[in-house]
Amino acid sequence: MASVKTAEKTNYKCHDCKTPIHIKGEVIENGVLLDYDLGTEKVRVFKCKACYDKNPSLANYQKCEVYSRIVGYLRPISQWNDGKKEEFMERKEYVIPKES
């Protein structure tokens, strides 16, 4: 049984198969907590025992970067200032109604 000190929630899922991970107190009953260092950031994921036994490494993980138009050109939202990020969150998508 693995131990986790930061487990406050009960809705953790396996990174690979999305099976719910059961945690009682500080004990993970049906999985493991994995810490990965991806250069500039650290990632913590849960894996169920079946997925961990098949492949203990982190697979299919890629942080998604969102681009949008700002001041005439495309730029990653992560590079925007706080005011522009807030403006982006307030944007509404225009949906063209289908003709019947």
N, C-alpha and C. Protein backbone atom coordinates (compact mmCIF):
# COMPACT_ATOMS: atom_id res chain seq x y z
N MET A 1 0.84 -1.18 0.00
CA MET A 1 0.00 0.00 0.00
C MET A 1 0.89 1.25 0.00
N ALA A 2 0.59 2.16 -0.88
CA ALA A 2 1.36 3.40 -0.98
C ALA A 2 0.74 4.46 -0.08
N SER A 3 1.55 5.43 0.28
CA SER A 3 1.07 6.50 1.13
C SER A 3 1.08 7.81 0.36
N VAL A 4 0.07 8.63 0.61
CA VAL A 4 0.01 9.95 -0.01
C VAL A 4 -0.37 10.96 1.06
N LYS A 5 0.41 12.02 1.19
CA LYS A 5 0.17 13.02 2.22
C LYS A 5 -0.74 14.13 1.74
N THR A 6 -0.85 14.32 0.41
CA THR A 6 -1.62 15.44 -0.11
C THR A 6 -3.02 15.05 -0.56
N ALA A 7 -3.45 13.85 -0.26
CA ALA A 7 -4.75 13.38 -0.75
C ALA A 7 -5.87 13.92 0.13
N GLU A 8 -6.55 14.92 -0.36
CA GLU A 8 -7.70 15.47 0.35
C GLU A 8 -8.99 15.11 -0.40
N LYS A 9 -8.90 15.05 -1.71
CA LYS A 9 -10.08 14.75 -2.52
C LYS A 9 -10.28 13.24 -2.61
N THR A 10 -11.44 12.85 -3.08
CA THR A 10 -11.71 11.42 -3.26
C THR A 10 -12.04 11.10 -4.71
N ASN A 11 -11.86 12.04 -5.62
CA ASN A 11 -12.22 11.80 -7.01
C ASN A 11 -10.99 11.66 -7.91
N TYR A 12 -9.92 11.07 -7.42
CA TYR A 12 -8.74 10.82 -8.24
C TYR A 12 -9.02 9.67 -9.19
N LYS A 13 -8.42 9.72 -10.39
CA LYS A 13 -8.59 8.65 -11.37
C LYS A 13 -7.24 8.26 -11.92
N CYS A 14 -7.16 7.03 -12.42
CA CYS A 14 -5.95 6.53 -13.05
C CYS A 14 -5.66 7.36 -14.30
N HIS A 15 -4.42 7.75 -14.47
CA HIS A 15 -4.03 8.57 -15.62
C HIS A 15 -4.29 7.84 -16.94
N ASP A 16 -4.09 6.52 -16.97
CA ASP A 16 -4.20 5.77 -18.21
C ASP A 16 -5.63 5.31 -18.52
N CYS A 17 -6.29 4.66 -17.57
CA CYS A 17 -7.59 4.04 -17.86
C CYS A 17 -8.77 4.74 -17.20
N LYS A 18 -8.50 5.75 -16.39
CA LYS A 18 -9.54 6.55 -15.72
C LYS A 18 -10.33 5.79 -14.65
N THR A 19 -9.80 4.68 -14.18
CA THR A 19 -10.42 3.95 -13.08
C THR A 19 -10.32 4.79 -11.81
N PRO A 20 -11.39 4.89 -11.03
CA PRO A 20 -11.31 5.67 -9.78
C PRO A 20 -10.26 5.09 -8.83
N ILE A 21 -9.50 5.97 -8.21
CA ILE A 21 -8.48 5.58 -7.23
C ILE A 21 -9.08 5.79 -5.84
N HIS A 22 -9.03 4.74 -5.02
CA HIS A 22 -9.61 4.79 -3.68
C HIS A 22 -8.52 5.11 -2.65
N ILE A 23 -8.77 6.18 -1.88
CA ILE A 23 -7.82 6.62 -0.86
C ILE A 23 -8.56 6.70 0.47
N LYS A 24 -7.99 6.05 1.47
CA LYS A 24 -8.53 6.14 2.83
C LYS A 24 -7.45 6.71 3.72
N GLY A 25 -7.70 7.92 4.22
CA GLY A 25 -6.69 8.58 5.02
C GLY A 25 -5.49 8.93 4.17
N GLU A 26 -4.35 8.34 4.49
CA GLU A 26 -3.14 8.56 3.71
C GLU A 26 -2.74 7.32 2.91
N VAL A 27 -3.62 6.34 2.79
CA VAL A 27 -3.30 5.08 2.12
C VAL A 27 -4.04 5.00 0.79
N ILE A 28 -3.30 4.74 -0.29
CA ILE A 28 -3.89 4.52 -1.60
C ILE A 28 -4.16 3.02 -1.70
N GLU A 29 -5.43 2.64 -1.81
CA GLU A 29 -5.80 1.23 -1.75
C GLU A 29 -5.58 0.48 -3.06
N ASN A 30 -5.81 1.11 -4.20
CA ASN A 30 -5.75 0.36 -5.46
C ASN A 30 -4.86 1.00 -6.51
N GLY A 31 -3.83 1.71 -6.08
CA GLY A 31 -2.96 2.35 -7.06
C GLY A 31 -1.71 2.91 -6.45
N VAL A 32 -1.00 3.73 -7.26
CA VAL A 32 0.23 4.36 -6.82
C VAL A 32 0.23 5.82 -7.25
N LEU A 33 0.94 6.65 -6.51
CA LEU A 33 1.12 8.05 -6.84
C LEU A 33 2.53 8.19 -7.43
N LEU A 34 2.61 8.79 -8.61
CA LEU A 34 3.89 8.93 -9.29
C LEU A 34 4.24 10.41 -9.44
N ASP A 35 5.49 10.75 -9.17
CA ASP A 35 5.99 12.11 -9.35
C ASP A 35 6.95 12.11 -10.54
N TYR A 36 6.73 13.03 -11.47
CA TYR A 36 7.58 13.15 -12.64
C TYR A 36 8.12 14.57 -12.72
N ASP A 37 9.38 14.69 -13.10
CA ASP A 37 10.00 15.99 -13.32
C ASP A 37 10.11 16.18 -14.82
N LEU A 38 9.33 17.12 -15.36
CA LEU A 38 9.32 17.36 -16.80
C LEU A 38 10.10 18.63 -17.15
N GLY A 39 11.24 18.79 -16.55
CA GLY A 39 12.08 19.95 -16.82
C GLY A 39 11.67 21.14 -16.00
N THR A 40 10.75 21.95 -16.53
CA THR A 40 10.36 23.18 -15.85
C THR A 40 9.22 22.97 -14.86
N GLU A 41 8.59 21.81 -14.89
CA GLU A 41 7.47 21.57 -13.97
C GLU A 41 7.49 20.15 -13.44
N LYS A 42 6.83 19.97 -12.32
CA LYS A 42 6.68 18.65 -11.72
C LYS A 42 5.23 18.22 -11.86
N VAL A 43 5.02 16.96 -12.23
CA VAL A 43 3.69 16.43 -12.46
C VAL A 43 3.47 15.26 -11.51
N ARG A 44 2.30 15.25 -10.85
CA ARG A 44 1.93 14.14 -9.97
C ARG A 44 0.70 13.47 -10.56
N VAL A 45 0.78 12.16 -10.79
CA VAL A 45 -0.35 11.43 -11.35
C VAL A 45 -0.56 10.14 -10.56
N PHE A 46 -1.79 9.66 -10.61
CA PHE A 46 -2.12 8.37 -10.02
C PHE A 46 -2.24 7.35 -11.14
N LYS A 47 -1.86 6.13 -10.85
CA LYS A 47 -2.09 4.99 -11.75
C LYS A 47 -2.67 3.86 -10.91
N CYS A 48 -3.65 3.15 -11.50
CA CYS A 48 -4.17 1.97 -10.80
C CYS A 48 -3.10 0.89 -10.86
N LYS A 49 -3.22 -0.13 -10.03
CA LYS A 49 -2.20 -1.17 -9.96
C LYS A 49 -2.06 -1.92 -11.28
N ALA A 50 -3.18 -2.15 -11.98
CA ALA A 50 -3.12 -2.88 -13.25
C ALA A 50 -2.33 -2.10 -14.30
N CYS A 51 -2.60 -0.81 -14.43
CA CYS A 51 -1.87 0.01 -15.41
C CYS A 51 -0.41 0.17 -15.01
N TYR A 52 -0.15 0.32 -13.71
CA TYR A 52 1.23 0.45 -13.24
C TYR A 52 2.03 -0.82 -13.51
N ASP A 53 1.39 -1.97 -13.33
CA ASP A 53 2.08 -3.24 -13.60
C ASP A 53 2.40 -3.39 -15.09
N LYS A 54 1.50 -2.90 -15.96
CA LYS A 54 1.74 -2.96 -17.41
C LYS A 54 2.85 -2.02 -17.83
N ASN A 55 2.81 -0.78 -17.31
CA ASN A 55 3.79 0.23 -17.70
C ASN A 55 3.89 1.28 -16.60
N PRO A 56 4.96 1.26 -15.81
CA PRO A 56 5.08 2.20 -14.70
C PRO A 56 5.42 3.63 -15.13
N SER A 57 5.76 3.83 -16.40
CA SER A 57 6.13 5.18 -16.83
C SER A 57 4.92 5.99 -17.25
N LEU A 58 5.10 7.31 -17.31
CA LEU A 58 4.04 8.22 -17.72
C LEU A 58 4.00 8.24 -19.25
N ALA A 59 2.86 7.86 -19.81
CA ALA A 59 2.70 7.85 -21.26
C ALA A 59 1.58 8.80 -21.65
N ASN A 60 1.64 9.30 -22.86
CA ASN A 60 0.59 10.16 -23.42
C ASN A 60 0.35 11.40 -22.60
N TYR A 61 1.41 12.00 -22.10
CA TYR A 61 1.25 13.25 -21.36
C TYR A 61 1.90 14.36 -22.17
N GLN A 62 1.11 15.32 -22.52
CA GLN A 62 1.64 16.49 -23.19
C GLN A 62 0.77 17.68 -22.80
N LYS A 63 1.39 18.68 -22.27
CA LYS A 63 0.65 19.87 -21.89
C LYS A 63 0.18 20.57 -23.15
N CYS A 64 -1.08 20.92 -23.17
CA CYS A 64 -1.68 21.57 -24.33
C CYS A 64 -1.45 23.07 -24.24
N GLU A 65 -0.98 23.66 -25.33
CA GLU A 65 -0.78 25.10 -25.36
C GLU A 65 -1.82 25.71 -26.28
N VAL A 66 -2.54 26.70 -25.78
CA VAL A 66 -3.62 27.35 -26.52
C VAL A 66 -3.11 28.64 -27.13
N TYR A 67 -3.34 28.81 -28.43
CA TYR A 67 -2.99 30.04 -29.12
C TYR A 67 -4.28 30.79 -29.44
N SER A 68 -4.19 32.10 -29.44
CA SER A 68 -5.32 32.92 -29.85
C SER A 68 -4.79 34.22 -30.43
N ARG A 69 -5.65 34.92 -31.13
CA ARG A 69 -5.26 36.18 -31.75
C ARG A 69 -5.28 37.29 -30.71
N ILE A 70 -4.21 38.04 -30.65
CA ILE A 70 -4.13 39.19 -29.76
C ILE A 70 -3.34 40.28 -30.49
N VAL A 71 -3.90 41.45 -30.54
CA VAL A 71 -3.27 42.62 -31.16
C VAL A 71 -2.72 42.27 -32.56
N GLY A 72 -3.51 41.55 -33.35
CA GLY A 72 -3.17 41.32 -34.75
C GLY A 72 -2.37 40.08 -35.08
N TYR A 73 -1.94 39.30 -34.10
CA TYR A 73 -1.19 38.09 -34.44
C TYR A 73 -1.45 37.00 -33.40
N LEU A 74 -1.13 35.75 -33.77
CA LEU A 74 -1.34 34.61 -32.87
C LEU A 74 -0.19 34.50 -31.88
N ARG A 75 -0.56 34.19 -30.65
CA ARG A 75 0.43 34.07 -29.59
C ARG A 75 -0.10 33.12 -28.52
N PRO A 76 0.77 32.33 -27.85
CA PRO A 76 0.28 31.45 -26.79
C PRO A 76 -0.33 32.26 -25.65
N ILE A 77 -1.46 31.80 -25.17
CA ILE A 77 -2.14 32.50 -24.08
C ILE A 77 -1.28 32.55 -22.82
N SER A 78 -0.44 31.54 -22.62
CA SER A 78 0.41 31.51 -21.43
C SER A 78 1.39 32.69 -21.39
N GLN A 79 1.64 33.33 -22.53
CA GLN A 79 2.57 34.46 -22.57
C GLN A 79 1.87 35.82 -22.45
N TRP A 80 0.56 35.81 -22.35
CA TRP A 80 -0.19 37.07 -22.25
C TRP A 80 -0.07 37.64 -20.84
N ASN A 81 -0.31 38.95 -20.73
CA ASN A 81 -0.34 39.56 -19.41
C ASN A 81 -1.67 39.23 -18.74
N ASP A 82 -1.80 39.50 -17.46
CA ASP A 82 -2.98 39.11 -16.69
C ASP A 82 -4.26 39.74 -17.23
N GLY A 83 -4.19 40.99 -17.68
CA GLY A 83 -5.37 41.66 -18.22
C GLY A 83 -5.89 41.00 -19.48
N LYS A 84 -4.99 40.62 -20.38
CA LYS A 84 -5.39 39.96 -21.62
C LYS A 84 -5.91 38.55 -21.35
N LYS A 85 -5.33 37.87 -20.35
CA LYS A 85 -5.82 36.53 -20.00
C LYS A 85 -7.26 36.62 -19.49
N GLU A 86 -7.54 37.62 -18.66
CA GLU A 86 -8.89 37.80 -18.15
C GLU A 86 -9.86 38.12 -19.29
N GLU A 87 -9.41 38.97 -20.21
CA GLU A 87 -10.23 39.31 -21.38
C GLU A 87 -10.54 38.05 -22.20
N PHE A 88 -9.55 37.18 -22.35
CA PHE A 88 -9.75 35.93 -23.09
C PHE A 88 -10.80 35.06 -22.42
N MET A 89 -10.76 34.98 -21.08
CA MET A 89 -11.71 34.14 -20.36
C MET A 89 -13.14 34.67 -20.50
N GLU A 90 -13.29 35.98 -20.74
CA GLU A 90 -14.61 36.58 -20.87
C GLU A 90 -15.15 36.51 -22.30
N ARG A 91 -14.33 36.09 -23.25
CA ARG A 91 -14.78 36.01 -24.64
C ARG A 91 -15.89 34.98 -24.78
N LYS A 92 -16.78 35.25 -25.72
CA LYS A 92 -17.85 34.31 -26.02
C LYS A 92 -17.72 33.86 -27.47
N GLU A 93 -17.91 32.58 -27.70
CA GLU A 93 -17.81 32.03 -29.05
C GLU A 93 -19.09 32.35 -29.82
N TYR A 94 -18.92 32.85 -31.00
CA TYR A 94 -20.07 33.15 -31.85
C TYR A 94 -20.38 31.91 -32.67
N VAL A 95 -21.61 31.43 -32.56
CA VAL A 95 -22.03 30.24 -33.30
C VAL A 95 -23.03 30.68 -34.37
N ILE A 96 -22.70 30.35 -35.61
CA ILE A 96 -23.61 30.70 -36.70
C ILE A 96 -24.76 29.71 -36.70
N PRO A 97 -26.01 30.20 -36.62
CA PRO A 97 -27.13 29.27 -36.61
C PRO A 97 -27.27 28.55 -37.94
N LYS A 98 -27.61 27.29 -37.86
CA LYS A 98 -27.82 26.49 -39.07
C LYS A 98 -29.14 26.87 -39.70
N GLU A 99 -29.14 26.94 -41.01
CA GLU A 99 -30.38 27.24 -41.71
C GLU A 99 -31.23 25.97 -41.78
N SER A 100 -32.55 26.13 -41.60
CA SER A 100 -33.39 24.95 -41.63
C SER A 100 -33.98 24.70 -42.98
